[in-house]
Amino acid sequence: MGSAALLLCTLCGIAFAGAGILLSKALAKTSHNTSKGLPYECGIDTIGTSFIQFNVGYYLFALIFLVFDVELVFMYPWAVVVKEVGIVAFVEIIVFMFILFMGFLYAWRKGALKWA
């Protein structure tokens, strides 16, 4: 795949996304209502302020979970072709697991895995 094909794919992707956004803006019915800007939870009006600060540790924990979860998805194609590729695939997954384990150790030592 040459650079021209890559550029064409990128431009087509941007055009497709832009066309979808413009089409939804043109066809969607909109109404400007003050109640749309109010916080809403389970049909009950909020009591007090809606803007509370969450501990950033929850977000870090979720992001670390997603990283390791997505990395696990990369192991499925490896499991399918491991017999065909042989020792090369085994060495590659060992290196991959080592890098993943080093990231886990880094997050553990930094305290990112401690639940607040």
C-alpha atoms as a PDB file:
ATOM      1  CA  MET A   1       0.000   0.000   0.000  1.00  0.00           C
ATOM      2  CA  GLY A   2       1.655   3.169  -1.147  1.00  0.00           C
ATOM      3  CA  SER A   3       1.489   6.611   0.353  1.00  0.00           C
ATOM      4  CA  ALA A   4      -1.094   7.707  -2.227  1.00  0.00           C
ATOM      5  CA  ALA A   5      -3.450   4.916  -1.168  1.00  0.00           C
ATOM      6  CA  LEU A   6      -2.931   5.779   2.497  1.00  0.00           C
ATOM      7  CA  LEU A   7      -3.687   9.426   1.799  1.00  0.00           C
ATOM      8  CA  LEU A   8      -6.793   8.443  -0.171  1.00  0.00           C
ATOM      9  CA  CYS A   9      -8.043   6.227   2.677  1.00  0.00           C
ATOM     10  CA  THR A  10      -7.447   9.009   5.196  1.00  0.00           C
ATOM     11  CA  LEU A  11      -9.285  11.573   3.085  1.00  0.00           C
ATOM     12  CA  CYS A  12     -12.170   9.173   2.479  1.00  0.00           C
ATOM     13  CA  GLY A  13     -12.434   8.510   6.214  1.00  0.00           C
ATOM     14  CA  ILE A  14     -12.482  12.207   7.033  1.00  0.00           C
ATOM     15  CA  ALA A  15     -15.034  12.863   4.280  1.00  0.00           C
ATOM     16  CA  PHE A  16     -17.255  10.006   5.457  1.00  0.00           C
ATOM     17  CA  ALA A  17     -17.190  11.215   9.074  1.00  0.00           C
ATOM     18  CA  GLY A  18     -17.777  14.834   8.054  1.00  0.00           C
ATOM     19  CA  ALA A  19     -20.659  13.875   5.767  1.00  0.00           C
ATOM     20  CA  GLY A  20     -22.302  11.948   8.596  1.00  0.00           C
ATOM     21  CA  ILE A  21     -22.035  14.885  10.972  1.00  0.00           C
ATOM     22  CA  LEU A  22     -23.338  17.362   8.403  1.00  0.00           C
ATOM     23  CA  LEU A  23     -26.193  15.050   7.424  1.00  0.00           C
ATOM     24  CA  SER A  24     -27.260  14.611  11.042  1.00  0.00           C
ATOM     25  CA  LYS A  25     -27.167  18.390  11.579  1.00  0.00           C
ATOM     26  CA  ALA A  26     -29.304  18.941   8.487  1.00  0.00           C
ATOM     27  CA  LEU A  27     -31.908  16.245   9.148  1.00  0.00           C
ATOM     28  CA  ALA A  28     -32.234  16.203  12.940  1.00  0.00           C
ATOM     29  CA  LYS A  29     -35.038  18.078  14.605  1.00  0.00           C
ATOM     30  CA  THR A  30     -33.691  20.394  17.252  1.00  0.00           C
ATOM     31  CA  SER A  31     -35.427  22.283  20.007  1.00  0.00           C
ATOM     32  CA  HIS A  32     -33.801  24.689  22.370  1.00  0.00           C
ATOM     33  CA  ASN A  33     -35.210  24.118  25.813  1.00  0.00           C
ATOM     34  CA  THR A  34     -33.860  25.238  29.180  1.00  0.00           C
ATOM     35  CA  SER A  35     -34.625  21.879  30.736  1.00  0.00           C
ATOM     36  CA  LYS A  36     -32.148  20.232  28.339  1.00  0.00           C
ATOM     37  CA  GLY A  37     -29.281  21.926  30.129  1.00  0.00           C
ATOM     38  CA  LEU A  38     -30.304  20.673  33.571  1.00  0.00           C
ATOM     39  CA  PRO A  39     -28.592  17.686  35.177  1.00  0.00           C
ATOM     40  CA  TYR A  40     -30.725  14.568  35.054  1.00  0.00           C
ATOM     41  CA  GLU A  41     -30.468  11.299  36.894  1.00  0.00           C
ATOM     42  CA  CYS A  42     -33.155   8.616  36.946  1.00  0.00           C
ATOM     43  CA  GLY A  43     -35.969  11.099  36.431  1.00  0.00           C
ATOM     44  CA  ILE A  44     -35.358  12.803  39.762  1.00  0.00           C
ATOM     45  CA  ASP A  45     -34.174  16.376  40.079  1.00  0.00           C
ATOM     46  CA  THR A  46     -30.784  16.678  41.701  1.00  0.00           C
ATOM     47  CA  ILE A  47     -30.383  17.983  45.224  1.00  0.00           C
ATOM     48  CA  GLY A  48     -27.523  20.380  45.725  1.00  0.00           C
ATOM     49  CA  THR A  49     -24.749  20.869  43.224  1.00  0.00           C
ATOM     50  CA  SER A  50     -24.335  18.434  40.355  1.00  0.00           C
ATOM     51  CA  PHE A  51     -20.667  19.130  39.858  1.00  0.00           C
ATOM     52  CA  ILE A  52     -18.740  16.955  42.266  1.00  0.00           C
ATOM     53  CA  GLN A  53     -15.117  15.993  41.962  1.00  0.00           C
ATOM     54  CA  PHE A  54     -14.315  12.305  41.538  1.00  0.00           C
ATOM     55  CA  ASN A  55     -11.076  10.738  42.613  1.00  0.00           C
ATOM     56  CA  VAL A  56      -8.793  10.487  39.576  1.00  0.00           C
ATOM     57  CA  GLY A  57      -7.718   7.046  40.790  1.00  0.00           C
ATOM     58  CA  TYR A  58     -10.983   5.567  39.532  1.00  0.00           C
ATOM     59  CA  TYR A  59     -10.233   6.789  36.016  1.00  0.00           C
ATOM     60  CA  LEU A  60      -6.659   5.532  36.168  1.00  0.00           C
ATOM     61  CA  PHE A  61      -7.863   2.140  37.353  1.00  0.00           C
ATOM     62  CA  ALA A  62     -10.377   1.961  34.496  1.00  0.00           C
ATOM     63  CA  LEU A  63      -7.799   3.014  31.905  1.00  0.00           C
ATOM     64  CA  ILE A  64      -5.320   0.423  33.124  1.00  0.00           C
ATOM     65  CA  PHE A  65      -8.043  -2.221  32.925  1.00  0.00           C
ATOM     66  CA  LEU A  66      -8.816  -1.188  29.344  1.00  0.00           C
ATOM     67  CA  VAL A  67      -5.155  -1.307  28.344  1.00  0.00           C
ATOM     68  CA  PHE A  68      -4.717  -4.836  29.652  1.00  0.00           C
ATOM     69  CA  ASP A  69      -8.079  -5.922  28.258  1.00  0.00           C
ATOM     70  CA  VAL A  70      -7.247  -4.669  24.765  1.00  0.00           C
ATOM     71  CA  GLU A  71      -3.817  -6.283  24.932  1.00  0.00           C
ATOM     72  CA  LEU A  72      -5.513  -9.586  25.673  1.00  0.00           C
ATOM     73  CA  VAL A  73      -7.472  -9.239  22.424  1.00  0.00           C
ATOM     74  CA  PHE A  74      -4.159  -9.151  20.559  1.00  0.00           C
ATOM     75  CA  MET A  75      -3.363 -12.629  21.871  1.00  0.00           C
ATOM     76  CA  TYR A  76      -6.271 -14.311  20.076  1.00  0.00           C
ATOM     77  CA  PRO A  77      -4.834 -13.945  16.557  1.00  0.00           C
ATOM     78  CA  TRP A  78      -1.488 -15.127  17.912  1.00  0.00           C
ATOM     79  CA  ALA A  79      -3.126 -18.268  19.296  1.00  0.00           C
ATOM     80  CA  VAL A  80      -4.625 -19.001  15.887  1.00  0.00           C
ATOM     81  CA  VAL A  81      -1.337 -18.821  13.954  1.00  0.00           C
ATOM     82  CA  VAL A  82       1.155 -20.029  16.570  1.00  0.00           C
ATOM     83  CA  LYS A  83       1.487 -23.516  15.026  1.00  0.00           C
ATOM     84  CA  GLU A  84       2.012 -22.117  11.531  1.00  0.00           C
ATOM     85  CA  VAL A  85       4.602 -19.508  12.473  1.00  0.00           C
ATOM     86  CA  GLY A  86       6.460 -21.612  15.023  1.00  0.00           C
ATOM     87  CA  ILE A  87       9.232 -20.391  17.286  1.00  0.00           C
ATOM     88  CA  VAL A  88       9.084 -16.845  15.896  1.00  0.00           C
ATOM     89  CA  ALA A  89       5.535 -16.442  17.192  1.00  0.00           C
ATOM     90  CA  PHE A  90       6.577 -17.839  20.567  1.00  0.00           C
ATOM     91  CA  VAL A  91       9.466 -15.387  20.898  1.00  0.00           C
ATOM     92  CA  GLU A  92       7.237 -12.488  19.847  1.00  0.00           C
ATOM     93  CA  ILE A  93       4.584 -13.313  22.455  1.00  0.00           C
ATOM     94  CA  ILE A  94       7.262 -13.666  25.143  1.00  0.00           C
ATOM     95  CA  VAL A  95       8.555 -10.176  24.287  1.00  0.00           C
ATOM     96  CA  PHE A  96       4.969  -8.864  24.177  1.00  0.00           C
ATOM     97  CA  MET A  97       4.159 -10.390  27.574  1.00  0.00           C
ATOM     98  CA  PHE A  98       7.397  -9.034  29.031  1.00  0.00           C
ATOM     99  CA  ILE A  99       6.555  -5.485  27.922  1.00  0.00           C
ATOM    100  CA  LEU A 100       3.013  -5.894  29.260  1.00  0.00           C
ATOM    101  CA  PHE A 101       4.328  -7.229  32.564  1.00  0.00           C
ATOM    102  CA  MET A 102       6.759  -4.316  32.880  1.00  0.00           C
ATOM    103  CA  GLY A 103       3.838  -1.922  32.409  1.00  0.00           C
ATOM    104  CA  PHE A 104       1.927  -3.792  35.091  1.00  0.00           C
ATOM    105  CA  LEU A 105       4.871  -3.548  37.482  1.00  0.00           C
ATOM    106  CA  TYR A 106       5.228   0.171  36.766  1.00  0.00           C
ATOM    107  CA  ALA A 107       1.535   0.792  37.497  1.00  0.00           C
ATOM    108  CA  TRP A 108       1.749  -1.327  40.645  1.00  0.00           C
ATOM    109  CA  ARG A 109       4.814   0.497  41.991  1.00  0.00           C
ATOM    110  CA  LYS A 110       3.264   3.882  41.251  1.00  0.00           C
ATOM    111  CA  GLY A 111       0.197   2.850  43.292  1.00  0.00           C
ATOM    112  CA  ALA A 112      -2.218   3.105  40.380  1.00  0.00           C
ATOM    113  CA  LEU A 113      -3.776  -0.259  41.248  1.00  0.00           C
ATOM    114  CA  LYS A 114      -4.772   0.707  44.788  1.00  0.00           C
ATOM    115  CA  TRP A 115      -8.483   1.255  45.108  1.00  0.00           C
ATOM    116  CA  ALA A 116      -9.138   4.600  46.788  1.00  0.00           C
END
